[in-house]
N, C-alpha and C. Protein backbone atom coordinates (compact mmCIF):
# COMPACT_ATOMS: atom_id res chain seq x y z
N MET A 1 150.12 -70.87 43.72
CA MET A 1 150.36 -72.20 43.22
C MET A 1 151.82 -72.54 43.47
N SER A 2 152.10 -73.66 44.07
CA SER A 2 153.45 -74.05 44.41
C SER A 2 153.88 -75.24 43.57
N TYR A 3 155.09 -75.20 43.07
CA TYR A 3 155.63 -76.30 42.27
C TYR A 3 156.72 -76.99 43.05
N GLN A 4 156.70 -78.30 43.04
CA GLN A 4 157.73 -79.09 43.69
C GLN A 4 158.80 -79.44 42.67
N PRO A 5 160.06 -79.44 43.08
CA PRO A 5 161.11 -79.85 42.15
C PRO A 5 160.87 -81.28 41.68
N VAL A 6 161.05 -81.49 40.41
CA VAL A 6 160.83 -82.80 39.82
C VAL A 6 162.07 -83.18 39.02
N GLU A 7 162.50 -84.41 39.16
CA GLU A 7 163.62 -84.89 38.36
C GLU A 7 163.19 -84.87 36.89
N PRO A 8 164.00 -84.39 35.99
CA PRO A 8 163.62 -84.30 34.59
C PRO A 8 163.15 -85.61 34.00
N HIS A 9 163.84 -86.70 34.31
CA HIS A 9 163.47 -87.97 33.71
C HIS A 9 162.13 -88.48 34.22
N ALA A 10 161.73 -88.11 35.44
CA ALA A 10 160.44 -88.55 35.96
C ALA A 10 159.30 -87.85 35.22
N THR A 11 159.45 -86.56 34.98
CA THR A 11 158.43 -85.81 34.26
C THR A 11 158.42 -86.20 32.79
N CYS A 12 159.59 -86.38 32.22
CA CYS A 12 159.71 -86.67 30.80
C CYS A 12 159.24 -88.06 30.45
N ALA A 13 159.21 -88.95 31.42
CA ALA A 13 158.82 -90.32 31.13
C ALA A 13 157.33 -90.43 30.80
N GLN A 14 156.55 -89.42 31.15
CA GLN A 14 155.14 -89.44 30.81
C GLN A 14 155.01 -89.27 29.31
N ALA A 15 154.32 -90.19 28.69
CA ALA A 15 154.19 -90.15 27.23
C ALA A 15 153.26 -89.01 26.82
N PRO A 16 153.72 -88.12 25.95
CA PRO A 16 152.84 -87.05 25.47
C PRO A 16 151.81 -87.61 24.51
N SER A 17 150.72 -86.86 24.36
CA SER A 17 149.71 -87.30 23.42
C SER A 17 150.32 -87.35 22.03
N ARG A 18 149.97 -88.36 21.29
CA ARG A 18 150.55 -88.54 19.95
C ARG A 18 149.91 -87.55 18.99
N PRO A 19 150.73 -86.79 18.26
CA PRO A 19 150.17 -85.80 17.34
C PRO A 19 149.48 -86.47 16.17
N SER A 20 148.48 -85.80 15.67
CA SER A 20 147.77 -86.31 14.50
C SER A 20 148.63 -86.12 13.26
N VAL A 21 148.18 -86.65 12.15
CA VAL A 21 148.89 -86.47 10.88
C VAL A 21 148.96 -85.00 10.54
N ALA A 22 147.89 -84.25 10.81
CA ALA A 22 147.87 -82.82 10.52
C ALA A 22 148.93 -82.09 11.34
N ALA A 23 149.06 -82.44 12.62
CA ALA A 23 150.05 -81.80 13.47
C ALA A 23 151.46 -82.15 13.02
N THR A 24 151.67 -83.40 12.63
CA THR A 24 152.99 -83.82 12.16
C THR A 24 153.34 -83.08 10.89
N THR A 25 152.39 -82.94 9.99
CA THR A 25 152.62 -82.22 8.75
C THR A 25 152.86 -80.74 9.04
N ALA A 26 152.14 -80.18 10.00
CA ALA A 26 152.29 -78.77 10.33
C ALA A 26 153.69 -78.46 10.84
N LEU A 27 154.34 -79.39 11.49
CA LEU A 27 155.66 -79.15 12.04
C LEU A 27 156.75 -79.81 11.21
N SER A 28 156.55 -79.89 9.92
CA SER A 28 157.52 -80.60 9.10
C SER A 28 158.33 -79.66 8.21
N GLY A 29 158.68 -78.50 8.76
CA GLY A 29 159.52 -77.57 8.01
C GLY A 29 160.89 -78.18 7.76
N THR A 30 161.67 -77.55 6.93
CA THR A 30 162.96 -78.12 6.57
C THR A 30 164.02 -77.91 7.63
N THR A 31 163.84 -76.97 8.54
CA THR A 31 164.84 -76.70 9.55
C THR A 31 164.36 -77.18 10.91
N GLY A 32 164.92 -78.28 11.39
CA GLY A 32 164.63 -78.76 12.73
C GLY A 32 163.22 -79.23 12.97
N PRO A 33 162.57 -79.92 12.02
CA PRO A 33 161.18 -80.32 12.26
C PRO A 33 161.05 -81.29 13.42
N THR A 34 161.99 -82.21 13.55
CA THR A 34 161.91 -83.18 14.64
C THR A 34 162.09 -82.48 15.97
N SER A 35 163.00 -81.55 16.04
CA SER A 35 163.23 -80.80 17.27
C SER A 35 162.01 -79.98 17.65
N CYS A 36 161.38 -79.36 16.67
CA CYS A 36 160.18 -78.57 16.95
C CYS A 36 159.03 -79.47 17.40
N ARG A 37 158.92 -80.63 16.77
CA ARG A 37 157.88 -81.59 17.18
C ARG A 37 158.12 -82.03 18.61
N LEU A 38 159.37 -82.29 18.95
CA LEU A 38 159.71 -82.73 20.29
C LEU A 38 159.41 -81.64 21.32
N ALA A 39 159.80 -80.42 21.04
CA ALA A 39 159.52 -79.31 21.95
C ALA A 39 158.02 -79.13 22.12
N THR A 40 157.27 -79.24 21.03
CA THR A 40 155.82 -79.10 21.09
C THR A 40 155.18 -80.22 21.90
N ALA A 41 155.64 -81.44 21.70
CA ALA A 41 155.09 -82.59 22.44
C ALA A 41 155.36 -82.46 23.94
N ILE A 42 156.54 -82.02 24.30
CA ILE A 42 156.88 -81.87 25.72
C ILE A 42 156.02 -80.78 26.36
N VAL A 43 155.90 -79.66 25.70
CA VAL A 43 155.09 -78.56 26.23
C VAL A 43 153.63 -78.99 26.35
N ALA A 44 153.11 -79.64 25.32
CA ALA A 44 151.72 -80.09 25.34
C ALA A 44 151.48 -81.07 26.49
N ALA A 45 152.39 -82.02 26.68
CA ALA A 45 152.23 -83.01 27.75
C ALA A 45 152.26 -82.35 29.12
N MET A 46 153.20 -81.44 29.31
CA MET A 46 153.34 -80.81 30.63
C MET A 46 152.24 -79.79 30.90
N ALA A 47 151.66 -79.25 29.84
CA ALA A 47 150.57 -78.28 30.01
C ALA A 47 149.20 -78.96 29.99
N GLY A 48 149.18 -80.25 29.69
CA GLY A 48 147.90 -80.97 29.63
C GLY A 48 147.07 -80.58 28.42
N LEU A 49 147.74 -80.26 27.33
CA LEU A 49 147.05 -79.84 26.11
C LEU A 49 147.28 -80.84 24.99
N ASN A 50 146.47 -80.74 23.97
CA ASN A 50 146.61 -81.57 22.79
C ASN A 50 147.65 -80.94 21.87
N VAL A 51 148.52 -81.74 21.31
CA VAL A 51 149.55 -81.24 20.39
C VAL A 51 148.90 -80.50 19.22
N ASP A 52 147.80 -81.01 18.72
CA ASP A 52 147.12 -80.38 17.58
C ASP A 52 146.75 -78.93 17.89
N ALA A 53 146.37 -78.64 19.12
CA ALA A 53 145.98 -77.28 19.49
C ALA A 53 147.16 -76.32 19.37
N LEU A 54 148.36 -76.82 19.65
CA LEU A 54 149.54 -75.95 19.61
C LEU A 54 149.98 -75.61 18.19
N VAL A 55 149.65 -76.45 17.24
CA VAL A 55 150.10 -76.19 15.87
C VAL A 55 148.98 -75.67 14.97
N ASP A 56 147.80 -75.51 15.54
CA ASP A 56 146.67 -75.00 14.77
C ASP A 56 146.95 -73.57 14.33
N LEU A 57 146.56 -73.25 13.12
CA LEU A 57 146.81 -71.91 12.58
C LEU A 57 145.78 -70.88 13.05
N ARG A 58 144.67 -71.36 13.56
CA ARG A 58 143.64 -70.43 14.03
C ARG A 58 144.04 -69.80 15.35
N ARG A 59 143.41 -68.69 15.69
CA ARG A 59 143.65 -68.04 16.97
C ARG A 59 143.25 -68.98 18.09
N SER A 60 143.95 -68.90 19.20
CA SER A 60 143.74 -69.82 20.30
C SER A 60 143.43 -69.07 21.58
N THR A 61 143.02 -69.84 22.59
CA THR A 61 142.83 -69.25 23.91
C THR A 61 144.20 -68.90 24.48
N ALA A 62 144.21 -68.08 25.51
CA ALA A 62 145.47 -67.64 26.10
C ALA A 62 146.36 -68.79 26.57
N PRO A 63 145.83 -69.82 27.25
CA PRO A 63 146.72 -70.91 27.68
C PRO A 63 147.36 -71.65 26.51
N VAL A 64 146.62 -71.84 25.43
CA VAL A 64 147.17 -72.53 24.26
C VAL A 64 148.21 -71.64 23.58
N ALA A 65 147.93 -70.36 23.45
CA ALA A 65 148.88 -69.43 22.83
C ALA A 65 150.18 -69.36 23.64
N THR A 66 150.07 -69.33 24.96
CA THR A 66 151.26 -69.30 25.80
C THR A 66 152.05 -70.59 25.67
N ALA A 67 151.37 -71.72 25.62
CA ALA A 67 152.05 -73.00 25.45
C ALA A 67 152.77 -73.04 24.10
N ARG A 68 152.14 -72.54 23.05
CA ARG A 68 152.78 -72.48 21.73
C ARG A 68 154.02 -71.59 21.80
N GLN A 69 153.91 -70.46 22.50
CA GLN A 69 155.06 -69.56 22.62
C GLN A 69 156.19 -70.23 23.39
N ILE A 70 155.87 -71.01 24.40
CA ILE A 70 156.91 -71.74 25.14
C ILE A 70 157.59 -72.74 24.22
N ALA A 71 156.81 -73.44 23.40
CA ALA A 71 157.40 -74.41 22.47
C ALA A 71 158.33 -73.71 21.48
N MET A 72 157.91 -72.56 20.97
CA MET A 72 158.77 -71.79 20.07
C MET A 72 160.04 -71.35 20.78
N TYR A 73 159.89 -70.87 22.00
CA TYR A 73 161.02 -70.42 22.81
C TYR A 73 162.01 -71.57 23.03
N LEU A 74 161.49 -72.74 23.41
CA LEU A 74 162.36 -73.89 23.65
C LEU A 74 163.09 -74.33 22.39
N ALA A 75 162.38 -74.30 21.27
CA ALA A 75 163.02 -74.69 20.01
C ALA A 75 164.14 -73.72 19.65
N HIS A 76 163.92 -72.44 19.89
CA HIS A 76 164.93 -71.43 19.55
C HIS A 76 166.06 -71.37 20.59
N VAL A 77 165.69 -71.15 21.84
CA VAL A 77 166.69 -70.95 22.89
C VAL A 77 167.26 -72.28 23.38
N GLY A 78 166.39 -73.23 23.64
CA GLY A 78 166.83 -74.51 24.19
C GLY A 78 167.57 -75.39 23.20
N LEU A 79 167.17 -75.34 21.94
CA LEU A 79 167.78 -76.20 20.93
C LEU A 79 168.68 -75.45 19.95
N GLY A 80 168.65 -74.13 20.03
CA GLY A 80 169.52 -73.34 19.17
C GLY A 80 169.09 -73.23 17.72
N LEU A 81 167.84 -73.53 17.44
CA LEU A 81 167.34 -73.38 16.07
C LEU A 81 167.14 -71.89 15.77
N SER A 82 167.30 -71.52 14.53
CA SER A 82 167.10 -70.13 14.15
C SER A 82 165.63 -69.76 14.28
N GLN A 83 165.39 -68.47 14.49
CA GLN A 83 163.99 -68.02 14.56
C GLN A 83 163.28 -68.27 13.24
N ALA A 84 163.98 -68.11 12.14
CA ALA A 84 163.37 -68.37 10.83
C ALA A 84 163.01 -69.85 10.70
N GLY A 85 163.88 -70.73 11.17
CA GLY A 85 163.60 -72.16 11.11
C GLY A 85 162.43 -72.55 11.98
N VAL A 86 162.36 -71.98 13.18
CA VAL A 86 161.23 -72.25 14.07
C VAL A 86 159.94 -71.72 13.45
N ALA A 87 160.02 -70.53 12.88
CA ALA A 87 158.84 -69.94 12.23
C ALA A 87 158.34 -70.83 11.11
N GLN A 88 159.25 -71.35 10.31
CA GLN A 88 158.86 -72.22 9.20
C GLN A 88 158.21 -73.50 9.74
N ALA A 89 158.78 -74.08 10.78
CA ALA A 89 158.23 -75.31 11.33
C ALA A 89 156.84 -75.10 11.92
N PHE A 90 156.60 -73.95 12.52
CA PHE A 90 155.30 -73.66 13.13
C PHE A 90 154.35 -72.96 12.16
N ARG A 91 154.80 -72.74 10.92
CA ARG A 91 154.01 -72.03 9.90
C ARG A 91 153.57 -70.66 10.40
N ARG A 92 154.52 -69.94 10.96
CA ARG A 92 154.31 -68.59 11.46
C ARG A 92 155.39 -67.69 10.87
N ASP A 93 155.27 -66.40 11.13
CA ASP A 93 156.27 -65.43 10.70
C ASP A 93 157.42 -65.39 11.72
N ARG A 94 158.62 -65.03 11.26
CA ARG A 94 159.76 -64.95 12.16
C ARG A 94 159.53 -63.94 13.28
N SER A 95 158.82 -62.85 12.98
CA SER A 95 158.55 -61.85 14.01
C SER A 95 157.65 -62.42 15.11
N THR A 96 156.82 -63.40 14.77
CA THR A 96 155.98 -64.05 15.77
C THR A 96 156.85 -64.85 16.74
N VAL A 97 157.86 -65.52 16.21
CA VAL A 97 158.78 -66.29 17.05
C VAL A 97 159.59 -65.33 17.93
N ALA A 98 160.03 -64.22 17.36
CA ALA A 98 160.79 -63.23 18.13
C ALA A 98 159.93 -62.69 19.28
N TYR A 99 158.67 -62.39 19.00
CA TYR A 99 157.75 -61.91 20.04
C TYR A 99 157.57 -62.98 21.11
N ALA A 100 157.38 -64.24 20.70
CA ALA A 100 157.20 -65.33 21.66
C ALA A 100 158.40 -65.45 22.59
N CYS A 101 159.60 -65.36 22.03
CA CYS A 101 160.82 -65.47 22.84
C CYS A 101 160.92 -64.32 23.84
N ARG A 102 160.62 -63.10 23.39
CA ARG A 102 160.65 -61.95 24.31
C ARG A 102 159.62 -62.11 25.41
N ARG A 103 158.43 -62.55 25.05
CA ARG A 103 157.35 -62.70 26.03
C ARG A 103 157.70 -63.75 27.08
N ILE A 104 158.22 -64.90 26.65
CA ILE A 104 158.56 -65.95 27.60
C ILE A 104 159.70 -65.49 28.50
N GLU A 105 160.69 -64.79 27.95
CA GLU A 105 161.77 -64.25 28.78
C GLU A 105 161.21 -63.32 29.85
N ASP A 106 160.26 -62.48 29.49
CA ASP A 106 159.65 -61.57 30.46
C ASP A 106 158.88 -62.35 31.53
N LEU A 107 158.15 -63.38 31.12
CA LEU A 107 157.36 -64.18 32.07
C LEU A 107 158.25 -64.99 33.02
N ARG A 108 159.48 -65.25 32.62
CA ARG A 108 160.39 -66.04 33.46
C ARG A 108 160.84 -65.29 34.70
N ASP A 109 160.46 -64.02 34.83
CA ASP A 109 160.73 -63.28 36.07
C ASP A 109 159.92 -63.85 37.23
N ASP A 110 158.80 -64.51 36.92
CA ASP A 110 157.99 -65.18 37.95
C ASP A 110 158.64 -66.52 38.28
N PRO A 111 159.03 -66.74 39.53
CA PRO A 111 159.75 -67.98 39.89
C PRO A 111 158.98 -69.26 39.55
N ALA A 112 157.68 -69.28 39.75
CA ALA A 112 156.90 -70.49 39.46
C ALA A 112 156.90 -70.78 37.96
N PHE A 113 156.70 -69.75 37.16
CA PHE A 113 156.71 -69.92 35.70
C PHE A 113 158.10 -70.34 35.24
N ASP A 114 159.12 -69.71 35.79
CA ASP A 114 160.50 -70.05 35.44
C ASP A 114 160.79 -71.51 35.76
N HIS A 115 160.30 -71.99 36.88
CA HIS A 115 160.51 -73.38 37.27
C HIS A 115 159.88 -74.33 36.25
N ARG A 116 158.65 -74.02 35.82
CA ARG A 116 157.98 -74.87 34.83
C ARG A 116 158.74 -74.89 33.51
N VAL A 117 159.18 -73.74 33.05
CA VAL A 117 159.93 -73.68 31.80
C VAL A 117 161.26 -74.42 31.95
N ALA A 118 161.89 -74.28 33.11
CA ALA A 118 163.14 -74.99 33.35
C ALA A 118 162.92 -76.50 33.32
N GLN A 119 161.79 -76.96 33.84
CA GLN A 119 161.46 -78.39 33.77
C GLN A 119 161.33 -78.84 32.31
N MET A 120 160.66 -78.04 31.52
CA MET A 120 160.48 -78.38 30.10
C MET A 120 161.83 -78.38 29.39
N GLU A 121 162.68 -77.41 29.70
CA GLU A 121 164.02 -77.38 29.11
C GLU A 121 164.81 -78.63 29.49
N ALA A 122 164.69 -79.05 30.76
CA ALA A 122 165.39 -80.25 31.21
C ALA A 122 164.88 -81.49 30.47
N CYS A 123 163.58 -81.56 30.28
CA CYS A 123 162.99 -82.68 29.51
C CYS A 123 163.51 -82.68 28.08
N LEU A 124 163.57 -81.52 27.49
CA LEU A 124 164.04 -81.40 26.11
C LEU A 124 165.51 -81.82 26.00
N ARG A 125 166.32 -81.37 26.95
CA ARG A 125 167.73 -81.79 26.95
C ARG A 125 167.84 -83.31 27.13
N TRP A 126 167.07 -83.83 28.05
CA TRP A 126 167.07 -85.27 28.32
C TRP A 126 166.69 -86.05 27.05
N ALA A 127 165.65 -85.59 26.38
CA ALA A 127 165.15 -86.29 25.19
C ALA A 127 166.12 -86.18 24.02
N THR A 128 166.84 -85.08 23.90
CA THR A 128 167.74 -84.91 22.76
C THR A 128 169.10 -85.55 23.00
N GLU A 129 169.41 -85.90 24.22
CA GLU A 129 170.68 -86.56 24.51
C GLU A 129 170.65 -88.05 24.22
N ARG A 130 169.50 -88.60 23.94
CA ARG A 130 169.35 -90.04 23.74
C ARG A 130 169.78 -90.45 22.37
């Protein structure tokens, strides 16, 4: 699978699916809830998934779990939120966020995967600079 370079603003201009009330409530922790919602919306839009699937507490399929881990990674690494804050926003344990960050770092050794995550990071930076 080959990825073409995309300008961040072109990819980011696509409106992500609007989260439901349940998804908004799920990501309303006291530390960085808006940032976590933004990271989740960007990942969901670029992965072609529903935001609700990423914040669901039930076990998910591998693509949904990986997308959730990317959102956690972006919230922690890309936005500088603490792992505890990200965990609270996603209603998960801090060790789950730590595992997600390690896993995404390992997966970034693949150039295609790294490119996709870099696109999401660029979208997140673009959206938070406004």
